PDB file of N, CA and C in Angstrom:
ATOM      1  N   UNK A   1       0.742  -1.241  -0.101  1.00  0.00           N
ATOM      2  CA  UNK A   1      -0.018   0.279   0.206  1.00  0.00           C
ATOM      3  C   UNK A   1       1.124   1.065   0.247  1.00  0.00           C
ATOM      4  N   UNK A   2       1.757   1.224   0.400  1.00  0.00           N
ATOM      5  CA  UNK A   2       2.894   2.226   0.820  1.00  0.00           C
ATOM      6  C   UNK A   2       3.921   2.486  -0.622  1.00  0.00           C
ATOM      7  N   UNK A   3       4.627   2.920  -1.246  1.00  0.00           N
ATOM      8  CA  UNK A   3       5.642   2.973  -1.624  1.00  0.00           C
ATOM      9  C   UNK A   3       6.876   3.780  -0.677  1.00  0.00           C
ATOM     10  N   UNK A   4       8.193   3.300  -0.883  1.00  0.00           N
ATOM     11  CA  UNK A   4       9.481   4.233  -0.429  1.00  0.00           C
ATOM     12  C   UNK A   4       8.954   5.868  -0.887  1.00  0.00           C
ATOM     13  N   UNK A   5       9.242   6.642   0.326  1.00  0.00           N
ATOM     14  CA  UNK A   5       9.119   8.344  -0.181  1.00  0.00           C
ATOM     15  C   UNK A   5       7.992   8.797  -0.179  1.00  0.00           C
ATOM     16  N   UNK A   6       6.704   7.750  -0.058  1.00  0.00           N
ATOM     17  CA  UNK A   6       5.309   8.343  -0.245  1.00  0.00           C
ATOM     18  C   UNK A   6       4.351   7.939   0.622  1.00  0.00           C
ATOM     19  N   UNK A   7       3.241   8.603   0.847  1.00  0.00           N
ATOM     20  CA  UNK A   7       2.485   8.162   2.076  1.00  0.00           C
ATOM     21  C   UNK A   7       2.483   8.863   3.369  1.00  0.00           C
ATOM     22  N   UNK A   8       2.584   8.300   4.809  1.00  0.00           N
ATOM     23  CA  UNK A   8       2.563   8.748   6.062  1.00  0.00           C
ATOM     24  C   UNK A   8       4.178   9.022   6.322  1.00  0.00           C
ATOM     25  N   UNK A   9       4.218  10.350   6.876  1.00  0.00           N
ATOM     26  CA  UNK A   9       5.546  10.646   7.419  1.00  0.00           C
ATOM     27  C   UNK A   9       6.701  10.908   6.367  1.00  0.00           C
ATOM     28  N   UNK A  10       5.829  11.069   5.279  1.00  0.00           N
ATOM     29  CA  UNK A  10       6.719  11.991   4.034  1.00  0.00           C
ATOM     30  C   UNK A  10       5.600  13.137   3.837  1.00  0.00           C
ATOM     31  N   UNK A  11       6.022  13.968   2.568  1.00  0.00           N
ATOM     32  CA  UNK A  11       5.539  14.883   1.958  1.00  0.00           C
ATOM     33  C   UNK A  11       4.921  14.994   0.668  1.00  0.00           C
ATOM     34  N   UNK A  12       5.145  13.858   0.448  1.00  0.00           N
ATOM     35  CA  UNK A  12       4.738  13.444  -0.931  1.00  0.00           C
ATOM     36  C   UNK A  12       3.875  11.614  -0.858  1.00  0.00           C
ATOM     37  N   UNK A  13       3.246  11.717  -2.015  1.00  0.00           N
ATOM     38  CA  UNK A  13       2.229  10.674  -1.918  1.00  0.00           C
ATOM     39  C   UNK A  13       1.965  10.788  -3.639  1.00  0.00           C
ATOM     40  N   UNK A  14       0.750   9.290  -3.728  1.00  0.00           N
ATOM     41  CA  UNK A  14       0.850   9.134  -4.955  1.00  0.00           C
ATOM     42  C   UNK A  14      -0.462   7.974  -5.121  1.00  0.00           C
ATOM     43  N   UNK A  15      -1.218   8.434  -5.728  1.00  0.00           N
ATOM     44  CA  UNK A  15      -2.795   8.161  -5.630  1.00  0.00           C
ATOM     45  C   UNK A  15      -3.322   7.181  -6.692  1.00  0.00           C
ATOM     46  N   UNK A  16      -3.801   6.516  -6.748  1.00  0.00           N
ATOM     47  CA  UNK A  16      -4.955   5.796  -8.041  1.00  0.00           C
ATOM     48  C   UNK A  16      -6.479   6.305  -7.537  1.00  0.00           C
ATOM     49  N   UNK A  17      -6.862   6.802  -8.707  1.00  0.00           N
ATOM     50  CA  UNK A  17      -8.331   7.361  -8.714  1.00  0.00           C
ATOM     51  C   UNK A  17      -9.219   6.875  -9.387  1.00  0.00           C
ATOM     52  N   UNK A  18     -10.462   5.898  -8.158  1.00  0.00           N
ATOM     53  CA  UNK A  18     -10.755   5.230  -9.244  1.00  0.00           C
ATOM     54  C   UNK A  18     -12.360   5.717  -9.382  1.00  0.00           C
ATOM     55  N   UNK A  19     -13.143   5.443 -10.384  1.00  0.00           N
ATOM     56  CA  UNK A  19     -14.801   6.305 -10.823  1.00  0.00           C
ATOM     57  C   UNK A  19     -15.117   4.464 -11.860  1.00  0.00           C
ATOM     58  N   UNK A  20     -16.580   4.903 -12.295  1.00  0.00           N
ATOM     59  CA  UNK A  20     -16.749   4.288 -12.894  1.00  0.00           C
ATOM     60  C   UNK A  20     -16.437   4.079 -14.332  1.00  0.00           C
ATOM     61  N   UNK A  21     -15.656   5.124 -14.821  1.00  0.00           N
ATOM     62  CA  UNK A  21     -14.795   5.418 -16.057  1.00  0.00           C
ATOM     63  C   UNK A  21     -13.930   4.666 -15.897  1.00  0.00           C
ATOM     64  N   UNK A  22     -12.967   4.305 -15.088  1.00  0.00           N
ATOM     65  CA  UNK A  22     -11.970   3.660 -14.835  1.00  0.00           C
ATOM     66  C   UNK A  22     -11.140   4.037 -13.600  1.00  0.00           C
ATOM     67  N   UNK A  23      -9.658   3.825 -13.836  1.00  0.00           N
ATOM     68  CA  UNK A  23      -8.799   4.100 -12.391  1.00  0.00           C
ATOM     69  C   UNK A  23      -7.536   5.195 -13.643  1.00  0.00           C
ATOM     70  N   UNK A  24      -7.455   6.187 -12.563  1.00  0.00           N
ATOM     71  CA  UNK A  24      -6.518   7.497 -13.179  1.00  0.00           C
ATOM     72  C   UNK A  24      -5.265   7.509 -11.890  1.00  0.00           C
ATOM     73  N   UNK A  25      -3.944   7.040 -12.435  1.00  0.00           N
ATOM     74  CA  UNK A  25      -3.072   6.994 -11.685  1.00  0.00           C
ATOM     75  C   UNK A  25      -2.560   8.919 -11.481  1.00  0.00           C
ATOM     76  N   UNK A  26      -2.462   8.799 -10.156  1.00  0.00           N
ATOM     77  CA  UNK A  26      -1.527  10.470  -9.677  1.00  0.00           C
ATOM     78  C   UNK A  26      -0.391  10.153  -9.532  1.00  0.00           C
ATOM     79  N   UNK A  27       0.478  10.393 -10.723  1.00  0.00           N
ATOM     80  CA  UNK A  27       2.139  10.237 -10.085  1.00  0.00           C
ATOM     81  C   UNK A  27       2.896  11.397  -8.295  1.00  0.00           C
ATOM     82  N   UNK A  28       3.554  10.267  -8.121  1.00  0.00           N
ATOM     83  CA  UNK A  28       3.982  11.227  -6.959  1.00  0.00           C
ATOM     84  C   UNK A  28       4.545  12.601  -7.004  1.00  0.00           C
ATOM     85  N   UNK A  29       3.832  13.342  -6.000  1.00  0.00           N
ATOM     86  CA  UNK A  29       3.346  14.594  -5.957  1.00  0.00           C
ATOM     87  C   UNK A  29       3.621  14.978  -4.420  1.00  0.00           C
ATOM     88  N   UNK A  30       3.709  16.213  -4.430  1.00  0.00           N
ATOM     89  CA  UNK A  30       3.436  17.078  -2.681  1.00  0.00           C
ATOM     90  C   UNK A  30       1.870  16.697  -2.666  1.00  0.00           C
ATOM     91  N   UNK A  31       1.780  16.698  -1.518  1.00  0.00           N
ATOM     92  CA  UNK A  31       0.642  16.382  -1.046  1.00  0.00           C
ATOM     93  C   UNK A  31      -0.697  17.247  -1.571  1.00  0.00           C
ATOM     94  N   UNK A  32      -0.501  18.588  -1.495  1.00  0.00           N
ATOM     95  CA  UNK A  32      -1.168  19.741  -2.365  1.00  0.00           C
ATOM     96  C   UNK A  32      -1.778  19.386  -3.464  1.00  0.00           C
ATOM     97  N   UNK A  33      -0.417  18.633  -4.485  1.00  0.00           N
ATOM     98  CA  UNK A  33      -0.816  18.906  -5.439  1.00  0.00           C
ATOM     99  C   UNK A  33      -2.130  17.535  -5.481  1.00  0.00           C
ATOM    100  N   UNK A  34      -1.687  16.491  -5.044  1.00  0.00           N
ATOM    101  CA  UNK A  34      -2.449  14.943  -4.998  1.00  0.00           C
ATOM    102  C   UNK A  34      -4.107  15.689  -4.512  1.00  0.00           C
ATOM    103  N   UNK A  35      -4.073  16.492  -3.250  1.00  0.00           N
ATOM    104  CA  UNK A  35      -5.559  17.023  -3.260  1.00  0.00           C
ATOM    105  C   UNK A  35      -6.005  17.829  -3.986  1.00  0.00           C
ATOM    106  N   UNK A  36      -5.368  18.622  -4.694  1.00  0.00           N
ATOM    107  CA  UNK A  36      -5.830  19.204  -5.913  1.00  0.00           C
ATOM    108  C   UNK A  36      -6.680  18.393  -6.837  1.00  0.00           C
ATOM    109  N   UNK A  37      -5.544  17.486  -7.448  1.00  0.00           N
ATOM    110  CA  UNK A  37      -5.893  16.232  -8.033  1.00  0.00           C
ATOM    111  C   UNK A  37      -6.821  15.093  -7.585  1.00  0.00           C
ATOM    112  N   UNK A  38      -7.559  15.422  -6.489  1.00  0.00           N
ATOM    113  CA  UNK A  38      -8.536  14.652  -6.126  1.00  0.00           C
ATOM    114  C   UNK A  38      -9.794  15.478  -6.331  1.00  0.00           C
ATOM    115  N   UNK A  39      -9.554  16.843  -5.641  1.00  0.00           N
ATOM    116  CA  UNK A  39     -10.630  17.773  -5.805  1.00  0.00           C
ATOM    117  C   UNK A  39     -11.559  18.143  -6.994  1.00  0.00           C
ATOM    118  N   UNK A  40     -10.071  18.146  -8.641  1.00  0.00           N
ATOM    119  CA  UNK A  40     -10.257  18.329  -9.573  1.00  0.00           C
ATOM    120  C   UNK A  40     -11.451  17.161 -10.157  1.00  0.00           C
ATOM    121  N   UNK A  41     -11.076  15.862  -9.538  1.00  0.00           N
ATOM    122  CA  UNK A  41     -11.599  14.603 -10.716  1.00  0.00           C
ATOM    123  C   UNK A  41     -12.997  14.716  -9.453  1.00  0.00           C
ATOM    124  N   UNK A  42     -13.198  15.156  -8.469  1.00  0.00           N
ATOM    125  CA  UNK A  42     -14.696  15.035  -8.061  1.00  0.00           C
ATOM    126  C   UNK A  42     -15.369  16.584  -8.516  1.00  0.00           C
ATOM    127  N   UNK A  43     -14.723  17.299  -8.936  1.00  0.00           N
ATOM    128  CA  UNK A  43     -15.675  18.414  -9.606  1.00  0.00           C
ATOM    129  C   UNK A  43     -15.381  18.408 -10.960  1.00  0.00           C
ATOM    130  N   UNK A  44     -14.830  17.286 -11.334  1.00  0.00           N
ATOM    131  CA  UNK A  44     -15.434  16.598 -12.888  1.00  0.00           C
ATOM    132  C   UNK A  44     -16.442  15.849 -12.681  1.00  0.00           C
ATOM    133  N   UNK A  45     -16.367  14.877 -11.877  1.00  0.00           N
ATOM    134  CA  UNK A  45     -17.459  13.581 -11.558  1.00  0.00           C
ATOM    135  C   UNK A  45     -18.851  14.825 -11.428  1.00  0.00           C
ATOM    136  N   UNK A  46     -19.091  15.663 -10.106  1.00  0.00           N
ATOM    137  CA  UNK A  46     -20.209  16.121  -9.946  1.00  0.00           C
ATOM    138  C   UNK A  46     -20.869  17.312 -11.067  1.00  0.00           C
ATOM    139  N   UNK A  47     -20.018  17.848 -11.731  1.00  0.00           N
ATOM    140  CA  UNK A  47     -20.106  18.521 -12.952  1.00  0.00           C
ATOM    141  C   UNK A  47     -21.144  18.174 -13.904  1.00  0.00           C
ATOM    142  N   UNK A  48     -22.544  18.745 -14.458  1.00  0.00           N
ATOM    143  CA  UNK A  48     -23.307  17.915 -15.036  1.00  0.00           C
ATOM    144  C   UNK A  48     -22.812  18.011 -16.543  1.00  0.00           C
ATOM    145  N   UNK A  49     -22.754  17.077 -17.432  1.00  0.00           N
ATOM    146  CA  UNK A  49     -22.038  17.133 -18.936  1.00  0.00           C
ATOM    147  C   UNK A  49     -23.823  17.899 -19.736  1.00  0.00           C
ATOM    148  N   UNK A  50     -23.688  18.832 -20.740  1.00  0.00           N
ATOM    149  CA  UNK A  50     -24.463  19.405 -21.192  1.00  0.00           C
ATOM    150  C   UNK A  50     -25.282  18.384 -22.361  1.00  0.00           C
ATOM    151  N   UNK A  51     -26.481  18.471 -22.229  1.00  0.00           N
ATOM    152  CA  UNK A  51     -27.154  17.508 -23.314  1.00  0.00           C
ATOM    153  C   UNK A  51     -27.668  15.576 -22.629  1.00  0.00           C
ATOM    154  N   UNK A  52     -26.865  15.804 -21.448  1.00  0.00           N
ATOM    155  CA  UNK A  52     -27.371  14.553 -20.597  1.00  0.00           C
ATOM    156  C   UNK A  52     -28.353  14.914 -19.932  1.00  0.00           C
ATOM    157  N   UNK A  53     -29.087  13.741 -18.975  1.00  0.00           N
ATOM    158  CA  UNK A  53     -30.029  13.806 -18.115  1.00  0.00           C
ATOM    159  C   UNK A  53     -29.587  13.749 -16.481  1.00  0.00           C
ATOM    160  N   UNK A  54     -29.632  14.398 -15.680  1.00  0.00           N
ATOM    161  CA  UNK A  54     -29.496  13.811 -14.363  1.00  0.00           C
ATOM    162  C   UNK A  54     -30.716  13.571 -13.304  1.00  0.00           C
TER     163      UNK A  54
END
């Protein structure tokens, strides 16, 4: 679950975001960049697509 130099007790992390569309790997980065990638992914998933029925 943890790569050397990433995760708890480190300033960096790497994650895989899972959704119905598949998996998106977020490469190792500082935790603020990881948080931004997670929030961007959530925003994308929560934003209605034009022409789709919600």
